[in-house]
Amino acid sequence: MGFDAVRLSNEKKDELIVITEIGPRIISFCPEGKDNFFYVKKSELRSDVRGSESWHLFGGTRFWISPEMGLTYTPDNAPSEVQIKKDTLIVVSPVDEKTMLRKTIMIELHGDSFTITYAIRNEGKHLFTAGLWALSCVKPLSGAEIYLPWGDASPWNVKDMKYWRSWLGVGSNIESSQWKPTNEFFIVRPTGDIGKVGFANNWSFAVYRVGTLSFVKKTDYIHAASYPDGGCSYEIYTSKEFHEIETLSPIYTIKPGLTFTHREKWWAGYREIDLSSIEKAHGIISTLIT
């Protein structure tokens, strides 16, 4: 790609590639030695983006601050500091001069999975209020499905999903056939329509499935915390070009010198996950990601 990067591999032969000269971005995820299923915007991976004052998507998994605002789009086109400690990669960005936040992505290798910890540290003199937001861009592959376990395990089970009817000059068609609410999962079967949904994910996982490949993102849900966008801890964006599987932390007021973190656990592979019910899927995922 022409940029400094670090390649990581675990015992299952899953491979991550992290671009460190810009971003940082986890630009590639090749499970079990197979193809990368992350979307990459190759037209933006040019030499002239180094140090650019414009924000670029690039693709892969990026690290934003929420809720979505002007400062969310501050450019991250400068080189990051890289630390490698045994089975852990730590990538530390320069301080953002507009927000005075320093971002860190830490990746820990496990036998079959990865733990991704995102951190923001307030290096300024004033309070800063924001949440941490991890967005994974995946390819718009034919037959792809995203399974969202809405509701919870309580006998008083209320299932709630928010639709972005309009934002930033675009909008979701709530009547689109890509939204498939069921008694178990809320399923997204992308049609190429632009759309976005979000919800409070009490089960704390989502599954992207295409053919025999499954990609699991798992986080911790903090009950009674204040999440952005009216209480969303998971959000999904769809389009013709790419789809996004997004996780969000609660909103924090970050004092100078303090650091807040948001953690994801990733598993991807070609083992079938039973998605006939939330509890069955949760049980299988609990054995894949510890």
Protein backbone atom coordinates (compact mmCIF):
# COMPACT_ATOMS: atom_id res chain seq x y z
CA MET A 1 0.00 0.00 0.00
CA GLY A 2 3.05 2.27 0.23
CA PHE A 3 2.56 3.17 3.92
CA ASP A 4 4.33 2.03 7.07
CA ALA A 5 2.32 -0.77 8.64
CA VAL A 6 2.48 -3.63 11.12
CA ARG A 7 1.28 -7.13 10.32
CA LEU A 8 -0.12 -9.26 13.17
CA SER A 9 -1.03 -12.95 13.16
CA ASN A 10 -2.44 -15.29 15.81
CA GLU A 11 -2.37 -19.08 16.19
CA LYS A 12 -5.46 -19.49 13.97
CA LYS A 13 -3.57 -17.71 11.17
CA ASP A 14 -5.83 -14.68 11.32
CA GLU A 15 -3.95 -11.64 10.05
CA LEU A 16 -4.45 -7.96 10.85
CA ILE A 17 -2.61 -5.13 9.09
CA VAL A 18 -2.40 -1.81 10.92
CA ILE A 19 -1.35 1.30 8.99
CA THR A 20 0.72 3.47 11.34
CA GLU A 21 1.94 6.24 9.04
CA ILE A 22 -1.59 7.64 8.86
CA GLY A 23 -4.69 7.00 10.94
CA PRO A 24 -4.01 4.71 12.64
CA ARG A 25 -6.27 2.26 10.81
CA ILE A 26 -6.69 -1.49 11.10
CA ILE A 27 -6.89 -1.68 7.35
CA SER A 28 -7.07 -5.43 6.81
CA PHE A 29 -8.48 -8.53 8.52
CA CYS A 30 -7.75 -11.83 6.77
CA PRO A 31 -9.27 -14.69 8.80
CA GLU A 32 -7.53 -18.06 8.67
CA GLY A 33 -5.26 -16.95 5.84
CA LYS A 34 -8.17 -16.09 3.52
CA ASP A 35 -9.09 -12.77 1.88
CA ASN A 36 -9.46 -9.42 3.61
CA PHE A 37 -13.14 -8.69 4.21
CA PHE A 38 -12.59 -5.10 5.36
CA TYR A 39 -13.39 -2.41 2.81
CA VAL A 40 -10.38 -0.40 1.63
CA LYS A 41 -10.75 2.87 -0.29
CA LYS A 42 -7.62 2.46 -2.41
CA SER A 43 -8.12 5.77 -4.21
CA GLU A 44 -7.37 7.59 -0.93
CA LEU A 45 -4.23 5.65 -0.04
CA ARG A 46 -1.98 8.08 -1.89
CA SER A 47 1.34 9.59 -0.86
CA ASP A 48 -0.12 13.11 -0.82
CA VAL A 49 -2.49 12.32 2.07
CA ARG A 50 0.43 12.26 4.49
CA GLY A 51 -0.02 15.35 6.63
CA SER A 52 -3.12 16.39 4.67
CA GLU A 53 -5.56 18.79 6.35
CA SER A 54 -8.53 16.92 4.86
CA TRP A 55 -10.28 13.98 6.50
CA HIS A 56 -10.16 10.69 4.58
CA LEU A 57 -12.14 7.50 5.05
CA PHE A 58 -9.34 5.06 4.00
CA GLY A 59 -11.50 2.11 5.10
CA GLY A 60 -10.72 -0.62 7.61
CA THR A 61 -11.48 0.12 11.25
CA ARG A 62 -11.13 3.70 12.43
CA PHE A 63 -11.42 5.40 15.81
CA TRP A 64 -13.70 8.42 16.16
CA ILE A 65 -15.26 10.47 18.93
CA SER A 66 -19.03 10.65 19.37
CA PRO A 67 -21.57 12.07 19.00
CA GLU A 68 -21.06 12.90 15.33
CA MET A 69 -19.96 16.54 15.08
CA GLY A 70 -17.47 18.70 13.24
CA LEU A 71 -14.62 17.65 15.54
CA THR A 72 -15.34 14.00 14.73
CA TYR A 73 -13.88 14.65 11.28
CA THR A 74 -10.57 16.18 12.31
CA PRO A 75 -7.87 14.70 10.03
CA ASP A 76 -5.73 11.81 11.30
CA ASN A 77 -3.09 11.79 8.60
CA ALA A 78 0.07 12.00 10.72
CA PRO A 79 2.41 9.17 11.74
CA SER A 80 1.78 7.38 15.03
CA GLU A 81 4.19 6.05 17.61
CA VAL A 82 4.44 2.24 17.58
CA GLN A 83 5.22 -0.01 20.56
CA ILE A 84 5.45 -3.80 20.33
CA LYS A 85 5.39 -5.82 23.54
CA LYS A 86 5.29 -9.60 23.10
CA ASP A 87 1.70 -10.33 21.92
CA THR A 88 0.56 -6.68 22.05
CA LEU A 89 0.76 -3.82 19.57
CA ILE A 90 0.23 -0.26 20.82
CA VAL A 91 -0.24 2.57 18.32
CA VAL A 92 -0.32 6.11 19.76
CA SER A 93 -1.38 9.09 17.64
CA PRO A 94 -0.09 12.64 17.99
CA VAL A 95 -2.22 15.06 19.99
CA ASP A 96 -5.06 16.46 17.89
CA GLU A 97 -4.51 20.22 18.00
CA LYS A 98 -8.25 20.94 17.64
CA THR A 99 -9.52 18.63 20.41
CA MET A 100 -6.29 18.22 22.43
CA LEU A 101 -7.05 14.50 22.57
CA ARG A 102 -4.48 11.77 22.03
CA LYS A 103 -5.82 8.48 20.63
CA THR A 104 -4.34 5.05 21.26
CA ILE A 105 -5.24 1.68 19.76
CA MET A 106 -3.94 -1.40 21.58
CA ILE A 107 -4.27 -4.82 19.92
CA GLU A 108 -3.75 -7.99 21.95
CA LEU A 109 -3.32 -11.32 20.19
CA HIS A 110 -5.03 -14.44 21.50
CA GLY A 111 -5.03 -17.95 20.07
CA ASP A 112 -8.26 -17.54 18.12
CA SER A 113 -9.21 -13.88 18.54
CA PHE A 114 -8.10 -10.30 19.13
CA THR A 115 -8.82 -7.71 21.81
CA ILE A 116 -8.87 -4.12 20.55
CA THR A 117 -8.71 -1.38 23.20
CA TYR A 118 -9.31 2.22 22.14
CA ALA A 119 -8.22 5.02 24.45
CA ILE A 120 -8.49 8.80 24.47
CA ARG A 121 -6.45 10.99 26.79
CA ASN A 122 -7.18 14.67 27.35
CA GLU A 123 -3.87 16.50 26.89
CA GLY A 124 -5.49 19.94 27.07
CA LYS A 125 -6.35 22.36 29.86
CA HIS A 126 -10.15 22.14 29.65
CA LEU A 127 -12.82 19.52 30.10
CA PHE A 128 -13.82 17.60 26.98
CA THR A 129 -17.09 15.69 26.66
CA ALA A 130 -17.26 12.83 24.16
CA GLY A 131 -17.54 9.09 23.71
CA LEU A 132 -15.29 6.59 21.98
CA TRP A 133 -16.53 5.20 18.66
CA ALA A 134 -15.06 2.25 16.73
CA LEU A 135 -16.23 1.81 13.14
CA SER A 136 -15.37 -1.21 11.00
CA CYS A 137 -15.93 -0.83 7.26
CA VAL A 138 -16.73 -4.14 5.55
CA LYS A 139 -17.04 -4.94 1.87
CA PRO A 140 -20.58 -4.91 0.41
CA LEU A 141 -20.39 -8.58 -0.53
CA SER A 142 -23.36 -10.35 -2.09
CA GLY A 143 -25.49 -12.19 0.45
CA ALA A 144 -24.04 -10.37 3.47
CA GLU A 145 -26.14 -10.22 6.63
CA ILE A 146 -25.67 -8.42 9.94
CA TYR A 147 -27.35 -9.95 13.00
CA LEU A 148 -28.19 -7.59 15.86
CA PRO A 149 -29.47 -9.14 19.12
CA TRP A 150 -32.03 -6.54 20.15
CA GLY A 151 -33.96 -6.73 23.40
CA ASP A 152 -32.61 -8.55 26.45
CA ALA A 153 -32.98 -11.72 28.51
CA SER A 154 -35.63 -10.28 30.83
CA PRO A 155 -39.22 -11.62 30.73
CA TRP A 156 -40.08 -7.92 30.30
CA ASN A 157 -38.42 -7.80 26.89
CA VAL A 158 -38.78 -4.57 24.91
CA LYS A 159 -37.10 -4.46 21.49
CA ASP A 160 -36.19 -1.00 20.28
CA MET A 161 -34.38 0.18 17.13
CA LYS A 162 -33.62 3.75 16.04
CA TYR A 163 -33.59 4.73 12.37
CA TRP A 164 -31.65 7.74 11.08
CA ARG A 165 -34.43 9.21 8.95
CA SER A 166 -32.15 12.04 7.81
CA TRP A 167 -28.65 13.35 8.59
CA LEU A 168 -25.89 15.23 6.74
CA GLY A 169 -27.96 15.48 3.58
CA VAL A 170 -28.80 11.76 3.34
CA GLY A 171 -31.37 9.54 5.00
CA SER A 172 -32.69 6.08 5.68
CA ASN A 173 -35.74 4.63 4.01
CA ILE A 174 -37.46 3.07 6.99
CA GLU A 175 -39.56 0.98 4.62
CA SER A 176 -36.47 -0.46 2.89
CA SER A 177 -36.46 -4.22 2.44
CA GLN A 178 -32.95 -4.37 3.95
CA TRP A 179 -34.38 -4.07 7.48
CA LYS A 180 -35.60 -7.45 8.78
CA PRO A 181 -36.96 -7.25 12.33
CA THR A 182 -37.61 -10.71 13.79
CA ASN A 183 -38.60 -12.02 17.21
CA GLU A 184 -34.95 -12.88 17.84
CA PHE A 185 -32.50 -10.78 15.83
CA PHE A 186 -32.89 -7.52 13.99
CA ILE A 187 -31.27 -8.56 10.70
CA VAL A 188 -29.75 -6.17 8.17
CA ARG A 189 -29.53 -7.58 4.63
CA PRO A 190 -27.99 -4.68 2.72
CA THR A 191 -29.56 -3.84 -0.63
CA GLY A 192 -27.28 -0.94 -1.58
CA ASP A 193 -29.59 1.62 0.02
CA ILE A 194 -28.01 4.25 2.23
CA GLY A 195 -29.28 3.72 5.74
CA LYS A 196 -28.41 3.74 9.40
CA VAL A 197 -29.87 2.11 12.50
CA GLY A 198 -28.75 1.94 16.12
CA PHE A 199 -29.79 0.50 19.45
CA ALA A 200 -28.79 -0.30 23.03
CA ASN A 201 -27.17 -3.71 22.69
CA ASN A 202 -27.71 -5.46 26.01
CA TRP A 203 -26.24 -8.68 24.60
CA SER A 204 -23.10 -6.80 23.54
CA PHE A 205 -22.33 -8.55 20.27
CA ALA A 206 -23.07 -8.37 16.56
CA VAL A 207 -22.41 -10.89 13.80
CA TYR A 208 -21.54 -10.06 10.18
CA ARG A 209 -22.08 -13.15 8.04
CA VAL A 210 -21.43 -13.70 4.36
CA GLY A 211 -21.36 -17.22 2.95
CA THR A 212 -19.47 -19.39 5.42
CA LEU A 213 -17.57 -16.43 6.96
CA SER A 214 -18.66 -14.93 10.28
CA PHE A 215 -17.18 -11.82 11.94
CA VAL A 216 -18.11 -11.18 15.57
CA LYS A 217 -17.68 -7.87 17.37
CA LYS A 218 -18.21 -8.05 21.13
CA THR A 219 -18.12 -5.28 23.72
CA ASP A 220 -19.28 -4.61 27.28
CA TYR A 221 -22.64 -2.88 27.74
CA ILE A 222 -22.81 -0.58 30.77
CA HIS A 223 -26.36 -0.40 32.09
CA ALA A 224 -27.70 3.01 33.15
CA ALA A 225 -24.81 4.78 31.39
CA SER A 226 -25.50 7.65 28.98
CA TYR A 227 -24.81 6.47 25.44
CA PRO A 228 -24.86 8.80 22.39
CA ASP A 229 -27.61 9.12 19.80
CA GLY A 230 -30.40 8.53 22.31
CA GLY A 231 -28.81 5.51 23.96
CA CYS A 232 -27.05 3.60 21.14
CA SER A 233 -24.12 1.30 21.89
CA TYR A 234 -24.17 -0.34 18.41
CA GLU A 235 -24.92 1.27 15.05
CA ILE A 236 -24.99 -0.03 11.48
CA TYR A 237 -24.47 2.01 8.32
CA THR A 238 -25.21 0.67 4.84
CA SER A 239 -24.43 1.92 1.33
CA LYS A 240 -23.45 0.61 -2.11
CA GLU A 241 -19.77 1.27 -1.43
CA PHE A 242 -19.36 -0.28 2.04
CA HIS A 243 -21.15 -1.14 5.28
CA GLU A 244 -20.11 -0.23 8.82
CA ILE A 245 -20.41 -2.15 12.08
CA GLU A 246 -19.99 0.43 14.81
CA THR A 247 -19.66 0.20 18.59
CA LEU A 248 -19.86 3.15 20.95
CA SER A 249 -18.88 3.82 24.54
CA PRO A 250 -20.91 5.93 26.97
CA ILE A 251 -20.40 9.68 26.88
CA TYR A 252 -17.68 10.83 29.29
CA THR A 253 -16.57 14.20 30.60
CA ILE A 254 -12.81 13.85 30.37
CA LYS A 255 -10.73 15.95 32.73
CA PRO A 256 -7.24 17.08 31.68
CA GLY A 257 -4.74 14.27 32.14
CA LEU A 258 -7.37 11.52 32.29
CA THR A 259 -7.79 8.58 29.90
CA PHE A 260 -10.98 6.69 29.01
CA THR A 261 -11.12 3.40 27.13
CA HIS A 262 -13.49 1.31 25.01
CA ARG A 263 -12.80 -2.36 24.31
CA GLU A 264 -13.88 -4.67 21.50
CA LYS A 265 -13.19 -8.38 21.08
CA TRP A 266 -13.01 -9.74 17.55
CA TRP A 267 -13.39 -13.24 16.17
CA ALA A 268 -13.66 -14.14 12.50
CA GLY A 269 -13.62 -17.50 10.81
CA TYR A 270 -15.42 -20.18 8.89
CA ARG A 271 -17.08 -21.99 11.79
CA GLU A 272 -20.87 -21.90 11.66
CA ILE A 273 -22.56 -19.89 14.41
CA ASP A 274 -26.13 -20.96 15.20
CA LEU A 275 -28.16 -17.79 14.68
CA SER A 276 -31.56 -19.41 15.17
CA SER A 277 -31.82 -17.70 18.56
CA ILE A 278 -29.96 -15.02 20.49
CA GLU A 279 -29.21 -17.34 23.40
CA LYS A 280 -27.74 -20.06 21.16
CA ALA A 281 -25.55 -17.54 19.34
CA HIS A 282 -24.49 -15.97 22.63
CA GLY A 283 -23.49 -19.38 23.98
CA ILE A 284 -21.32 -20.18 20.96
CA ILE A 285 -19.73 -16.73 20.91
CA SER A 286 -18.87 -17.06 24.61
CA THR A 287 -16.74 -20.10 23.73
CA LEU A 288 -15.04 -18.35 20.81
CA ILE A 289 -14.27 -15.12 22.69
CA THR A 290 -13.28 -15.36 26.34
